[in-house]
Amino acid sequence: MDAQFAMMPEVEARRMLGAECTSMRLVHPVGSWAGVGRLRVLCVRVAANGLELLAGYERYEPIDSR
């Protein structure tokens, strides 16, 4: 897909893609982590019924599970 969406805030990408964007997946580390910062697009790929956004936060911080 077009590289223009890479690292774009997820909200802006969904606005630009409109109805073409039919699903979104969130990338995150394994374990207990909190996403910090903006949710950004990592890539856009073709899915069976439209386009899928793959997104992740700018950084992740561990959640203390004590």
Protein backbone atom coordinates (compact mmCIF):
# COMPACT_ATOMS: atom_id res chain seq x y z
CA MET A 1 0.00 0.00 0.00
CA ASP A 2 1.02 3.62 -0.38
CA ALA A 3 3.77 4.67 2.06
CA GLN A 4 1.98 8.00 2.66
CA PHE A 5 0.12 6.37 5.57
CA ALA A 6 3.22 5.13 7.42
CA MET A 7 3.44 6.68 10.91
CA MET A 8 0.36 8.83 10.26
CA PRO A 9 -1.96 9.20 13.26
CA GLU A 10 -4.58 6.46 13.02
CA VAL A 11 -7.51 8.91 13.18
CA GLU A 12 -6.23 10.86 10.16
CA ALA A 13 -5.65 7.67 8.14
CA ARG A 14 -9.17 6.41 8.85
CA ARG A 15 -10.59 9.79 7.81
CA MET A 16 -8.67 9.67 4.53
CA LEU A 17 -9.59 6.04 3.78
CA GLY A 18 -13.25 6.41 4.75
CA ALA A 19 -15.41 3.39 3.99
CA GLU A 20 -12.46 1.58 2.36
CA CYS A 21 -11.04 0.93 5.84
CA THR A 22 -12.99 -2.08 7.09
CA SER A 23 -10.80 -3.32 9.95
CA MET A 24 -7.90 -2.45 12.21
CA ARG A 25 -5.35 -4.52 14.12
CA LEU A 26 -3.32 -3.26 17.04
CA VAL A 27 0.30 -4.37 17.42
CA HIS A 28 1.48 -4.59 21.03
CA PRO A 29 4.14 -6.34 23.07
CA VAL A 30 3.36 -9.58 24.90
CA GLY A 31 2.53 -9.10 28.56
CA SER A 32 1.11 -6.19 30.56
CA TRP A 33 1.93 -2.95 28.78
CA ALA A 34 0.19 0.39 28.40
CA GLY A 35 0.29 2.20 25.08
CA VAL A 36 1.62 5.76 25.40
CA GLY A 37 1.39 8.58 22.88
CA ARG A 38 -0.50 8.57 19.63
CA LEU A 39 -1.80 5.50 17.90
CA ARG A 40 0.01 5.46 14.55
CA VAL A 41 -0.37 3.51 11.32
CA LEU A 42 2.36 0.97 10.65
CA CYS A 43 0.92 -0.23 7.37
CA VAL A 44 -2.25 -0.52 5.34
CA ARG A 45 -2.96 -3.79 3.60
CA VAL A 46 -5.63 -5.25 1.39
CA ALA A 47 -8.12 -7.45 3.26
CA ALA A 48 -10.90 -9.66 1.92
CA ASN A 49 -13.57 -6.95 2.26
CA GLY A 50 -11.56 -3.70 2.06
CA LEU A 51 -8.44 -2.26 3.66
CA GLU A 52 -6.98 -3.14 7.04
CA LEU A 53 -4.92 -0.78 9.19
CA LEU A 54 -2.09 -2.19 11.25
CA ALA A 55 -1.37 0.28 14.06
CA GLY A 56 0.66 0.66 17.23
CA TYR A 57 1.33 3.26 19.89
CA GLU A 58 4.41 5.48 19.82
CA ARG A 59 5.78 3.62 22.83
CA TYR A 60 4.75 1.15 25.52
CA GLU A 61 5.36 1.21 29.26
CA PRO A 62 5.14 -1.83 31.53
CA ILE A 63 2.19 -2.06 33.89
CA ASP A 64 3.22 -2.92 37.42
CA SER A 65 1.26 -6.03 38.37
CA ARG A 66 1.99 -6.07 42.11
